[in-house]
Amino acid sequence: QVQLVESGGGLVQPGGFLRFSCVASGFAFSTASMKWYRQAPGKEREFVAFISGTGGTITADSVRGRFAISRDNAKNTVYLQMNSLNSADTAVYYCQVPVYNAWGQGTQVTVSS
């Protein structure tokens, strides 16, 4: 059974940083591409970042230079490092394994002073 469990959300001040973790199980993680998405209140879910099984990455224009995706195959974990956070980053963040179209439960980030 494919399972993704996110952690790391919370309340952070503008300009702050957070790191999300997504622990995967039930599939061959080391060869699977992974993605992060987010959904802000009243908006559609949007793509944030992608990492291939070989470590190649793509980040959305809206977060490029501030967010970074990485993975640790020994821990079956994908990370999202988020720096210089602002109010527009307030959202629920989800990790996804595209090949199975499986999603985590989501983790909330609120950027507010």
PDB file of N, CA and C in Angstrom:
ATOM      1  N   GLN A   1       0.839  -1.185   0.000  1.00  0.00           N
ATOM      2  CA  GLN A   1       0.000   0.000   0.000  1.00  0.00           C
ATOM      3  C   GLN A   1       0.877   1.239   0.000  1.00  0.00           C
ATOM      4  N   VAL A   2       0.655   2.082  -0.985  1.00  0.00           N
ATOM      5  CA  VAL A   2       1.419   3.321  -1.080  1.00  0.00           C
ATOM      6  C   VAL A   2       0.969   4.280   0.007  1.00  0.00           C
ATOM      7  N   GLN A   3       1.928   4.830   0.731  1.00  0.00           N
ATOM      8  CA  GLN A   3       1.606   5.762   1.801  1.00  0.00           C
ATOM      9  C   GLN A   3       2.632   6.882   1.814  1.00  0.00           C
ATOM     10  N   LEU A   4       2.134   8.108   1.993  1.00  0.00           N
ATOM     11  CA  LEU A   4       2.976   9.294   2.111  1.00  0.00           C
ATOM     12  C   LEU A   4       2.547  10.051   3.356  1.00  0.00           C
ATOM     13  N   VAL A   5       3.504  10.374   4.213  1.00  0.00           N
ATOM     14  CA  VAL A   5       3.197  11.069   5.452  1.00  0.00           C
ATOM     15  C   VAL A   5       4.066  12.312   5.551  1.00  0.00           C
ATOM     16  N   GLU A   6       3.412  13.480   5.501  1.00  0.00           N
ATOM     17  CA  GLU A   6       4.137  14.753   5.582  1.00  0.00           C
ATOM     18  C   GLU A   6       4.243  15.225   7.024  1.00  0.00           C
ATOM     19  N   SER A   7       5.254  16.027   7.273  1.00  0.00           N
ATOM     20  CA  SER A   7       5.414  16.689   8.555  1.00  0.00           C
ATOM     21  C   SER A   7       6.230  17.965   8.354  1.00  0.00           C
ATOM     22  N   GLY A   8       6.162  18.852   9.373  1.00  0.00           N
ATOM     23  CA  GLY A   8       6.996  20.048   9.328  1.00  0.00           C
ATOM     24  C   GLY A   8       6.262  21.350   9.198  1.00  0.00           C
ATOM     25  N   GLY A   9       4.953  21.333   9.102  1.00  0.00           N
ATOM     26  CA  GLY A   9       4.213  22.573   8.949  1.00  0.00           C
ATOM     27  C   GLY A   9       4.118  23.349  10.239  1.00  0.00           C
ATOM     28  N   GLY A  10       3.532  24.545  10.130  1.00  0.00           N
ATOM     29  CA  GLY A  10       3.344  25.356  11.317  1.00  0.00           C
ATOM     30  C   GLY A  10       3.174  26.815  10.994  1.00  0.00           C
ATOM     31  N   LEU A  11       3.285  27.631  12.020  1.00  0.00           N
ATOM     32  CA  LEU A  11       3.169  29.092  11.896  1.00  0.00           C
ATOM     33  C   LEU A  11       4.572  29.686  11.860  1.00  0.00           C
ATOM     34  N   VAL A  12       4.814  30.553  10.897  1.00  0.00           N
ATOM     35  CA  VAL A  12       6.137  31.156  10.758  1.00  0.00           C
ATOM     36  C   VAL A  12       5.970  32.619  10.372  1.00  0.00           C
ATOM     37  N   GLN A  13       6.885  33.438  10.818  1.00  0.00           N
ATOM     38  CA  GLN A  13       6.837  34.862  10.493  1.00  0.00           C
ATOM     39  C   GLN A  13       7.350  35.114   9.081  1.00  0.00           C
ATOM     40  N   PRO A  14       6.896  36.195   8.463  1.00  0.00           N
ATOM     41  CA  PRO A  14       7.430  36.554   7.142  1.00  0.00           C
ATOM     42  C   PRO A  14       8.951  36.637   7.171  1.00  0.00           C
ATOM     43  N   GLY A  15       9.561  36.096   6.132  1.00  0.00           N
ATOM     44  CA  GLY A  15      11.009  36.041   6.068  1.00  0.00           C
ATOM     45  C   GLY A  15      11.606  34.811   6.705  1.00  0.00           C
ATOM     46  N   GLY A  16      10.782  34.028   7.367  1.00  0.00           N
ATOM     47  CA  GLY A  16      11.263  32.835   8.040  1.00  0.00           C
ATOM     48  C   GLY A  16      11.428  31.650   7.110  1.00  0.00           C
ATOM     49  N   PHE A  17      11.703  30.486   7.716  1.00  0.00           N
ATOM     50  CA  PHE A  17      11.929  29.292   6.929  1.00  0.00           C
ATOM     51  C   PHE A  17      11.330  28.076   7.629  1.00  0.00           C
ATOM     52  N   LEU A  18      11.077  27.062   6.827  1.00  0.00           N
ATOM     53  CA  LEU A  18      10.589  25.770   7.310  1.00  0.00           C
ATOM     54  C   LEU A  18      11.125  24.686   6.385  1.00  0.00           C
ATOM     55  N   ARG A  19      11.158  23.472   6.898  1.00  0.00           N
ATOM     56  CA  ARG A  19      11.484  22.326   6.058  1.00  0.00           C
ATOM     57  C   ARG A  19      10.435  21.252   6.252  1.00  0.00           C
ATOM     58  N   PHE A  20       9.841  20.852   5.140  1.00  0.00           N
ATOM     59  CA  PHE A  20       8.893  19.743   5.170  1.00  0.00           C
ATOM     60  C   PHE A  20       9.613  18.434   4.894  1.00  0.00           C
ATOM     61  N   SER A  21       9.048  17.377   5.492  1.00  0.00           N
ATOM     62  CA  SER A  21       9.482  16.024   5.181  1.00  0.00           C
ATOM     63  C   SER A  21       8.273  15.227   4.717  1.00  0.00           C
ATOM     64  N   CYS A  22       8.504  14.305   3.815  1.00  0.00           N
ATOM     65  CA  CYS A  22       7.459  13.393   3.352  1.00  0.00           C
ATOM     66  C   CYS A  22       8.077  12.003   3.332  1.00  0.00           C
ATOM     67  N   VAL A  23       7.618  11.155   4.231  1.00  0.00           N
ATOM     68  CA  VAL A  23       8.136   9.790   4.321  1.00  0.00           C
ATOM     69  C   VAL A  23       7.237   8.876   3.512  1.00  0.00           C
ATOM     70  N   ALA A  24       7.863   8.115   2.627  1.00  0.00           N
ATOM     71  CA  ALA A  24       7.126   7.257   1.712  1.00  0.00           C
ATOM     72  C   ALA A  24       7.286   5.784   2.076  1.00  0.00           C
ATOM     73  N   SER A  25       6.274   5.011   1.757  1.00  0.00           N
ATOM     74  CA  SER A  25       6.344   3.564   1.946  1.00  0.00           C
ATOM     75  C   SER A  25       5.417   2.878   0.959  1.00  0.00           C
ATOM     76  N   GLY A  26       5.668   1.590   0.740  1.00  0.00           N
ATOM     77  CA  GLY A  26       4.785   0.803  -0.107  1.00  0.00           C
ATOM     78  C   GLY A  26       5.150   0.766  -1.579  1.00  0.00           C
ATOM     79  N   PHE A  27       6.272   1.384  -1.939  1.00  0.00           N
ATOM     80  CA  PHE A  27       6.713   1.349  -3.333  1.00  0.00           C
ATOM     81  C   PHE A  27       8.222   1.575  -3.387  1.00  0.00           C
ATOM     82  N   ALA A  28       8.773   1.412  -4.576  1.00  0.00           N
ATOM     83  CA  ALA A  28      10.216   1.558  -4.760  1.00  0.00           C
ATOM     84  C   ALA A  28      10.582   3.035  -4.812  1.00  0.00           C
ATOM     85  N   PHE A  29      10.792   3.618  -3.654  1.00  0.00           N
ATOM     86  CA  PHE A  29      10.976   5.067  -3.550  1.00  0.00           C
ATOM     87  C   PHE A  29      12.184   5.557  -4.342  1.00  0.00           C
ATOM     88  N   SER A  30      13.281   4.839  -4.300  1.00  0.00           N
ATOM     89  CA  SER A  30      14.532   5.364  -4.850  1.00  0.00           C
ATOM     90  C   SER A  30      14.471   5.626  -6.343  1.00  0.00           C
ATOM     91  N   THR A  31      13.542   4.978  -7.040  1.00  0.00           N
ATOM     92  CA  THR A  31      13.433   5.181  -8.487  1.00  0.00           C
ATOM     93  C   THR A  31      12.234   6.031  -8.876  1.00  0.00           C
ATOM     94  N   ALA A  32      11.472   6.459  -7.912  1.00  0.00           N
ATOM     95  CA  ALA A  32      10.237   7.189  -8.194  1.00  0.00           C
ATOM     96  C   ALA A  32      10.446   8.702  -8.163  1.00  0.00           C
ATOM     97  N   SER A  33       9.888   9.382  -9.156  1.00  0.00           N
ATOM     98  CA  SER A  33       9.823  10.831  -9.089  1.00  0.00           C
ATOM     99  C   SER A  33       8.825  11.242  -8.017  1.00  0.00           C
ATOM    100  N   MET A  34       9.061  12.401  -7.427  1.00  0.00           N
ATOM    101  CA  MET A  34       8.194  12.912  -6.377  1.00  0.00           C
ATOM    102  C   MET A  34       7.895  14.382  -6.647  1.00  0.00           C
ATOM    103  N   LYS A  35       6.763  14.824  -6.167  1.00  0.00           N
ATOM    104  CA  LYS A  35       6.376  16.222  -6.347  1.00  0.00           C
ATOM    105  C   LYS A  35       5.834  16.792  -5.046  1.00  0.00           C
ATOM    106  N   TRP A  36       5.927  18.106  -4.928  1.00  0.00           N
ATOM    107  CA  TRP A  36       5.229  18.880  -3.897  1.00  0.00           C
ATOM    108  C   TRP A  36       4.240  19.805  -4.594  1.00  0.00           C
ATOM    109  N   TYR A  37       3.055  19.889  -4.003  1.00  0.00           N
ATOM    110  CA  TYR A  37       2.025  20.820  -4.430  1.00  0.00           C
ATOM    111  C   TYR A  37       1.580  21.624  -3.212  1.00  0.00           C
ATOM    112  N   ARG A  38       0.840  22.674  -3.476  1.00  0.00           N
ATOM    113  CA  ARG A  38       0.231  23.423  -2.382  1.00  0.00           C
ATOM    114  C   ARG A  38      -1.138  23.936  -2.809  1.00  0.00           C
ATOM    115  N   GLN A  39      -1.970  24.167  -1.819  1.00  0.00           N
ATOM    116  CA  GLN A  39      -3.297  24.721  -2.080  1.00  0.00           C
ATOM    117  C   GLN A  39      -3.586  25.797  -1.052  1.00  0.00           C
ATOM    118  N   ALA A  40      -3.679  27.017  -1.543  1.00  0.00           N
ATOM    119  CA  ALA A  40      -4.006  28.152  -0.686  1.00  0.00           C
ATOM    120  C   ALA A  40      -5.518  28.250  -0.536  1.00  0.00           C
ATOM    121  N   PRO A  41      -5.977  28.922   0.517  1.00  0.00           N
ATOM    122  CA  PRO A  41      -7.431  29.063   0.726  1.00  0.00           C
ATOM    123  C   PRO A  41      -8.112  29.683  -0.486  1.00  0.00           C
ATOM    124  N   GLY A  42      -9.151  29.022  -0.976  1.00  0.00           N
ATOM    125  CA  GLY A  42      -9.921  29.548  -2.090  1.00  0.00           C
ATOM    126  C   GLY A  42      -9.272  29.421  -3.448  1.00  0.00           C
ATOM    127  N   LYS A  43      -8.144  28.711  -3.508  1.00  0.00           N
ATOM    128  CA  LYS A  43      -7.432  28.566  -4.789  1.00  0.00           C
ATOM    129  C   LYS A  43      -7.269  27.095  -5.146  1.00  0.00           C
ATOM    130  N   GLU A  44      -6.947  26.872  -6.414  1.00  0.00           N
ATOM    131  CA  GLU A  44      -6.695  25.509  -6.856  1.00  0.00           C
ATOM    132  C   GLU A  44      -5.320  25.036  -6.398  1.00  0.00           C
ATOM    133  N   ARG A  45      -5.185  23.729  -6.333  1.00  0.00           N
ATOM    134  CA  ARG A  45      -3.901  23.156  -5.982  1.00  0.00           C
ATOM    135  C   ARG A  45      -2.890  23.479  -7.086  1.00  0.00           C
ATOM    136  N   GLU A  46      -1.685  23.884  -6.694  1.00  0.00           N
ATOM    137  CA  GLU A  46      -0.683  24.251  -7.685  1.00  0.00           C
ATOM    138  C   GLU A  46       0.626  23.519  -7.448  1.00  0.00           C
ATOM    139  N   PHE A  47       1.329  23.287  -8.537  1.00  0.00           N
ATOM    140  CA  PHE A  47       2.623  22.626  -8.498  1.00  0.00           C
ATOM    141  C   PHE A  47       3.662  23.515  -7.830  1.00  0.00           C
ATOM    142  N   VAL A  48       4.514  22.900  -7.008  1.00  0.00           N
ATOM    143  CA  VAL A  48       5.591  23.628  -6.337  1.00  0.00           C
ATOM    144  C   VAL A  48       6.967  23.138  -6.793  1.00  0.00           C
ATOM    145  N   ALA A  49       7.170  21.823  -6.730  1.00  0.00           N
ATOM    146  CA  ALA A  49       8.513  21.318  -7.046  1.00  0.00           C
ATOM    147  C   ALA A  49       8.448  19.843  -7.425  1.00  0.00           C
ATOM    148  N   PHE A  50       9.468  19.418  -8.173  1.00  0.00           N
ATOM    149  CA  PHE A  50       9.585  18.050  -8.683  1.00  0.00           C
ATOM    150  C   PHE A  50      11.022  17.576  -8.498  1.00  0.00           C
ATOM    151  N   ILE A  51      11.157  16.290  -8.168  1.00  0.00           N
ATOM    152  CA  ILE A  51      12.480  15.682  -8.148  1.00  0.00           C
ATOM    153  C   ILE A  51      12.381  14.301  -8.778  1.00  0.00           C
ATOM    154  N   SER A  52      13.293  14.018  -9.693  1.00  0.00           N
ATOM    155  CA  SER A  52      13.292  12.721 -10.353  1.00  0.00           C
ATOM    156  C   SER A  52      13.988  11.681  -9.482  1.00  0.00           C
ATOM    157  N   GLY A  53      13.908  10.442  -9.923  1.00  0.00           N
ATOM    158  CA  GLY A  53      14.583   9.373  -9.201  1.00  0.00           C
ATOM    159  C   GLY A  53      16.096   9.530  -9.179  1.00  0.00           C
ATOM    160  N   THR A  54      16.623  10.245 -10.170  1.00  0.00           N
ATOM    161  CA  THR A  54      18.065  10.469 -10.243  1.00  0.00           C
ATOM    162  C   THR A  54      18.477  11.807  -9.652  1.00  0.00           C
ATOM    163  N   GLY A  55      17.509  12.550  -9.101  1.00  0.00           N
ATOM    164  CA  GLY A  55      17.835  13.778  -8.383  1.00  0.00           C
ATOM    165  C   GLY A  55      17.679  15.069  -9.159  1.00  0.00           C
ATOM    166  N   GLY A  56      17.278  14.992 -10.418  1.00  0.00           N
ATOM    167  CA  GLY A  56      17.008  16.211 -11.159  1.00  0.00           C
ATOM    168  C   GLY A  56      15.799  16.926 -10.590  1.00  0.00           C
ATOM    169  N   THR A  57      15.835  18.258 -10.576  1.00  0.00           N
ATOM    170  CA  THR A  57      14.764  19.021  -9.929  1.00  0.00           C
ATOM    171  C   THR A  57      14.194  20.096 -10.843  1.00  0.00           C
ATOM    172  N   ILE A  58      12.948  20.426 -10.570  1.00  0.00           N
ATOM    173  CA  ILE A  58      12.255  21.545 -11.202  1.00  0.00           C
ATOM    174  C   ILE A  58      11.467  22.237 -10.101  1.00  0.00           C
ATOM    175  N   THR A  59      11.514  23.571 -10.085  1.00  0.00           N
ATOM    176  CA  THR A  59      10.697  24.318  -9.128  1.00  0.00           C
ATOM    177  C   THR A  59       9.840  25.326  -9.873  1.00  0.00           C
ATOM    178  N   ALA A  60       8.682  25.613  -9.315  1.00  0.00           N
ATOM    179  CA  ALA A  60       7.770  26.571  -9.925  1.00  0.00           C
ATOM    180  C   ALA A  60       8.377  27.971  -9.907  1.00  0.00           C
ATOM    181  N   ASP A  61       7.991  28.762 -10.898  1.00  0.00           N
ATOM    182  CA  ASP A  61       8.512  30.127 -10.982  1.00  0.00           C
ATOM    183  C   ASP A  61       8.252  30.918  -9.698  1.00  0.00           C
ATOM    184  N   SER A  62       7.105  30.673  -9.089  1.00  0.00           N
ATOM    185  CA  SER A  62       6.701  31.454  -7.920  1.00  0.00           C
ATOM    186  C   SER A  62       7.587  31.211  -6.697  1.00  0.00           C
ATOM    187  N   VAL A  63       8.317  30.109  -6.681  1.00  0.00           N
ATOM    188  CA  VAL A  63       9.134  29.788  -5.503  1.00  0.00           C
ATOM    189  C   VAL A  63      10.604  29.596  -5.837  1.00  0.00           C
ATOM    190  N   ARG A  64      10.957  29.722  -7.109  1.00  0.00           N
ATOM    191  CA  ARG A  64      12.343  29.470  -7.512  1.00  0.00           C
ATOM    192  C   ARG A  64      13.280  30.452  -6.817  1.00  0.00           C
ATOM    193  N   GLY A  65      14.362  29.908  -6.305  1.00  0.00           N
ATOM    194  CA  GLY A  65      15.324  30.714  -5.567  1.00  0.00           C
ATOM    195  C   GLY A  65      15.035  30.785  -4.080  1.00  0.00           C
ATOM    196  N   ARG A  66      13.837  30.371  -3.682  1.00  0.00           N
ATOM    197  CA  ARG A  66      13.476  30.368  -2.249  1.00  0.00           C
ATOM    198  C   ARG A  66      13.234  28.964  -1.718  1.00  0.00           C
ATOM    199  N   PHE A  67      12.678  28.104  -2.548  1.00  0.00           N
ATOM    200  CA  PHE A  67      12.352  26.734  -2.143  1.00  0.00           C
ATOM    201  C   PHE A  67      13.297  25.762  -2.847  1.00  0.00           C
ATOM    202  N   ALA A  68      13.579  24.660  -2.187  1.00  0.00           N
ATOM    203  CA  ALA A  68      14.416  23.616  -2.785  1.00  0.00           C
ATOM    204  C   ALA A  68      13.895  22.252  -2.387  1.00  0.00           C
ATOM    205  N   ILE A  69      13.808  21.379  -3.361  1.00  0.00           N
ATOM    206  CA  ILE A  69      13.374  20.000  -3.123  1.00  0.00           C
ATOM    207  C   ILE A  69      14.604  19.102  -3.117  1.00  0.00           C
ATOM    208  N   SER A  70      14.587  18.104  -2.248  1.00  0.00           N
ATOM    209  CA  SER A  70      15.685  17.144  -2.182  1.00  0.00           C
ATOM    210  C   SER A  70      15.138  15.808  -1.705  1.00  0.00           C
ATOM    211  N   ARG A  71      15.973  14.806  -1.729  1.00  0.00           N
ATOM    212  CA  ARG A  71      15.522  13.479  -1.302  1.00  0.00           C
ATOM    213  C   ARG A  71      16.665  12.739  -0.637  1.00  0.00           C
ATOM    214  N   ASP A  72      16.280  11.819   0.256  1.00  0.00           N
ATOM    215  CA  ASP A  72      17.223  10.908   0.893  1.00  0.00           C
ATOM    216  C   ASP A  72      16.661   9.505   0.674  1.00  0.00           C
ATOM    217  N   ASN A  73      17.204   8.816  -0.283  1.00  0.00           N
ATOM    218  CA  ASN A  73      16.655   7.498  -0.623  1.00  0.00           C
ATOM    219  C   ASN A  73      16.863   6.484   0.494  1.00  0.00           C
ATOM    220  N   ALA A  74      17.886   6.667   1.299  1.00  0.00           N
ATOM    221  CA  ALA A  74      18.118   5.743   2.417  1.00  0.00           C
ATOM    222  C   ALA A  74      17.009   5.865   3.466  1.00  0.00           C
ATOM    223  N   LYS A  75      16.364   7.026   3.508  1.00  0.00           N
ATOM    224  CA  LYS A  75      15.300   7.258   4.487  1.00  0.00           C
ATOM    225  C   LYS A  75      13.908   7.270   3.854  1.00  0.00           C
ATOM    226  N   ASN A  76      13.843   6.987   2.543  1.00  0.00           N
ATOM    227  CA  ASN A  76      12.550   7.031   1.833  1.00  0.00           C
ATOM    228  C   ASN A  76      11.829   8.359   2.066  1.00  0.00           C
ATOM    229  N   THR A  77      12.587   9.431   2.016  1.00  0.00           N
ATOM    230  CA  THR A  77      12.044  10.741   2.375  1.00  0.00           C
ATOM    231  C   THR A  77      12.380  11.785   1.317  1.00  0.00           C
ATOM    232  N   VAL A  78      11.379  12.600   1.013  1.00  0.00           N
ATOM    233  CA  VAL A  78      11.579  13.771   0.168  1.00  0.00           C
ATOM    234  C   VAL A  78      11.341  15.011   1.028  1.00  0.00           C
ATOM    235  N   TYR A  79      12.145  16.037   0.781  1.00  0.00           N
ATOM    236  CA  TYR A  79      12.108  17.253   1.587  1.00  0.00           C
ATOM    237  C   TYR A  79      11.734  18.460   0.727  1.00  0.00           C
ATOM    238  N   LEU A  80      11.183  19.469   1.387  1.00  0.00           N
ATOM    239  CA  LEU A  80      10.981  20.764   0.758  1.00  0.00           C
ATOM    240  C   LEU A  80      11.505  21.819   1.727  1.00  0.00           C
ATOM    241  N   GLN A  81      12.618  22.409   1.377  1.00  0.00           N
ATOM    242  CA  GLN A  81      13.179  23.498   2.168  1.00  0.00           C
ATOM    243  C   GLN A  81      12.592  24.807   1.654  1.00  0.00           C
ATOM    244  N   MET A  82      11.983  25.572   2.550  1.00  0.00           N
ATOM    245  CA  MET A  82      11.321  26.814   2.162  1.00  0.00           C
ATOM    246  C   MET A  82      11.941  27.973   2.918  1.00  0.00           C
ATOM    247  N   ASN A  83      12.515  28.909   2.198  1.00  0.00           N
ATOM    248  CA  ASN A  83      13.160  30.081   2.791  1.00  0.00           C
ATOM    249  C   ASN A  83      12.439  31.352   2.360  1.00  0.00           C
ATOM    250  N   SER A  84      12.711  32.424   3.062  1.00  0.00           N
ATOM    251  CA  SER A  84      12.137  33.738   2.732  1.00  0.00           C
ATOM    252  C   SER A  84      10.628  33.656   2.529  1.00  0.00           C
ATOM    253  N   LEU A  85       9.973  33.033   3.469  1.00  0.00           N
ATOM    254  CA  LEU A  85       8.534  32.829   3.346  1.00  0.00           C
ATOM    255  C   LEU A  85       7.775  34.148   3.429  1.00  0.00           C
ATOM    256  N   ASN A  86       6.682  34.212   2.682  1.00  0.00           N
ATOM    257  CA  ASN A  86       5.796  35.378   2.741  1.00  0.00           C
ATOM    258  C   ASN A  86       4.361  34.903   2.795  1.00  0.00           C
ATOM    259  N   SER A  87       3.456  35.847   2.932  1.00  0.00           N
ATOM    260  CA  SER A  87       2.049  35.489   3.144  1.00  0.00           C
ATOM    261  C   SER A  87       1.473  34.691   1.973  1.00  0.00           C
ATOM    262  N   ALA A  88       1.999  34.916   0.777  1.00  0.00           N
ATOM    263  CA  ALA A  88       1.509  34.172  -0.394  1.00  0.00           C
ATOM    264  C   ALA A  88       1.853  32.690  -0.334  1.00  0.00           C
ATOM    265  N   ASP A  89       2.740  32.316   0.572  1.00  0.00           N
ATOM    266  CA  ASP A  89       3.108  30.910   0.726  1.00  0.00           C
ATOM    267  C   ASP A  89       2.198  30.173   1.700  1.00  0.00           C
ATOM    268  N   THR A  90       1.291  30.889   2.337  1.00  0.00           N
ATOM    269  CA  THR A  90       0.332  30.254   3.235  1.00  0.00           C
ATOM    270  C   THR A  90      -0.537  29.280   2.448  1.00  0.00           C
ATOM    271  N   ALA A  91      -0.518  28.023   2.842  1.00  0.00           N
ATOM    272  CA  ALA A  91      -1.235  26.990   2.095  1.00  0.00           C
ATOM    273  C   ALA A  91      -1.102  25.664   2.832  1.00  0.00           C
ATOM    274  N   VAL A  92      -1.852  24.695   2.350  1.00  0.00           N
ATOM    275  CA  VAL A  92      -1.625  23.314   2.730  1.00  0.00           C
ATOM    276  C   VAL A  92      -0.705  22.698   1.667  1.00  0.00           C
ATOM    277  N   TYR A  93       0.359  22.075   2.118  1.00  0.00           N
ATOM    278  CA  TYR A  93       1.355  21.493   1.214  1.00  0.00           C
ATOM    279  C   TYR A  93       1.212  19.981   1.198  1.00  0.00           C
ATOM    280  N   TYR A  94       1.271  19.436  -0.007  1.00  0.00           N
ATOM    281  CA  TYR A  94       1.094  18.007  -0.205  1.00  0.00           C
ATOM    282  C   TYR A  94       2.274  17.421  -0.975  1.00  0.00           C
ATOM    283  N   CYS A  95       2.694  16.238  -0.605  1.00  0.00           N
ATOM    284  CA  CYS A  95       3.626  15.515  -1.471  1.00  0.00           C
ATOM    285  C   CYS A  95       2.835  14.477  -2.271  1.00  0.00           C
ATOM    286  N   GLN A  96       3.388  14.155  -3.428  1.00  0.00           N
ATOM    287  CA  GLN A  96       2.722  13.237  -4.344  1.00  0.00           C
ATOM    288  C   GLN A  96       3.745  12.333  -5.006  1.00  0.00           C
ATOM    289  N   VAL A  97       3.366  11.083  -5.223  1.00  0.00           N
ATOM    290  CA  VAL A  97       4.159  10.198  -6.068  1.00  0.00           C
ATOM    291  C   VAL A  97       3.358  10.027  -7.349  1.00  0.00           C
ATOM    292  N   PRO A  98       3.774  10.694  -8.430  1.00  0.00           N
ATOM    293  CA  PRO A  98       2.956  10.748  -9.641  1.00  0.00           C
ATOM    294  C   PRO A  98       2.624   9.395 -10.256  1.00  0.00           C
ATOM    295  N   VAL A  99       3.558   8.468 -10.238  1.00  0.00           N
ATOM    296  CA  VAL A  99       3.325   7.203 -10.928  1.00  0.00           C
ATOM    297  C   VAL A  99       2.155   6.438 -10.323  1.00  0.00           C
ATOM    298  N   TYR A 100       1.882   6.680  -9.051  1.00  0.00           N
ATOM    299  CA  TYR A 100       0.735   6.040  -8.404  1.00  0.00           C
ATOM    300  C   TYR A 100      -0.407   7.025  -8.153  1.00  0.00           C
ATOM    301  N   ASN A 101      -0.196   8.283  -8.514  1.00  0.00           N
ATOM    302  CA  ASN A 101      -1.160   9.350  -8.211  1.00  0.00           C
ATOM    303  C   ASN A 101      -1.612   9.282  -6.756  1.00  0.00           C
ATOM    304  N   ALA A 102      -0.656   9.061  -5.887  1.00  0.00           N
ATOM    305  CA  ALA A 102      -0.949   8.984  -4.455  1.00  0.00           C
ATOM    306  C   ALA A 102      -0.494  10.273  -3.785  1.00  0.00           C
ATOM    307  N   TRP A 103      -1.254  10.695  -2.772  1.00  0.00           N
ATOM    308  CA  TRP A 103      -1.011  11.967  -2.092  1.00  0.00           C
ATOM    309  C   TRP A 103      -0.867  11.759  -0.597  1.00  0.00           C
ATOM    310  N   GLY A 104      -0.098  12.626   0.016  1.00  0.00           N
ATOM    311  CA  GLY A 104      -0.067  12.669   1.456  1.00  0.00           C
ATOM    312  C   GLY A 104      -1.283  13.387   1.994  1.00  0.00           C
ATOM    313  N   GLN A 105      -1.358  13.468   3.319  1.00  0.00           N
ATOM    314  CA  GLN A 105      -2.535  14.071   3.964  1.00  0.00           C
ATOM    315  C   GLN A 105      -2.473  15.583   3.969  1.00  0.00           C
ATOM    316  N   GLY A 106      -1.316  16.142   3.680  1.00  0.00           N
ATOM    317  CA  GLY A 106      -1.144  17.589   3.667  1.00  0.00           C
ATOM    318  C   GLY A 106      -0.663  18.117   5.004  1.00  0.00           C
ATOM    319  N   THR A 107       0.092  19.198   4.931  1.00  0.00           N
ATOM    320  CA  THR A 107       0.563  19.865   6.142  1.00  0.00           C
ATOM    321  C   THR A 107       0.438  21.371   5.942  1.00  0.00           C
ATOM    322  N   GLN A 108      -0.084  22.054   6.946  1.00  0.00           N
ATOM    323  CA  GLN A 108      -0.428  23.466   6.838  1.00  0.00           C
ATOM    324  C   GLN A 108       0.764  24.356   7.168  1.00  0.00           C
ATOM    325  N   VAL A 109       0.950  25.378   6.342  1.00  0.00           N
ATOM    326  CA  VAL A 109       1.891  26.448   6.651  1.00  0.00           C
ATOM    327  C   VAL A 109       1.127  27.761   6.672  1.00  0.00           C
ATOM    328  N   THR A 110       1.296  28.508   7.738  1.00  0.00           N
ATOM    329  CA  THR A 110       0.725  29.848   7.842  1.00  0.00           C
ATOM    330  C   THR A 110       1.860  30.830   8.061  1.00  0.00           C
ATOM    331  N   VAL A 111       1.957  31.796   7.155  1.00  0.00           N
ATOM    332  CA  VAL A 111       3.000  32.817   7.260  1.00  0.00           C
ATOM    333  C   VAL A 111       2.322  34.104   7.715  1.00  0.00           C
ATOM    334  N   SER A 112       2.641  34.506   8.927  1.00  0.00           N
ATOM    335  CA  SER A 112       1.965  35.664   9.508  1.00  0.00           C
ATOM    336  C   SER A 112       2.798  36.233  10.637  1.00  0.00           C
ATOM    337  N   SER A 113       2.706  37.550  10.796  1.00  0.00           N
ATOM    338  CA  SER A 113       3.392  38.178  11.909  1.00  0.00           C
ATOM    339  C   SER A 113       2.466  38.292  13.112  1.00  0.00           C
TER     340      SER A 113
END
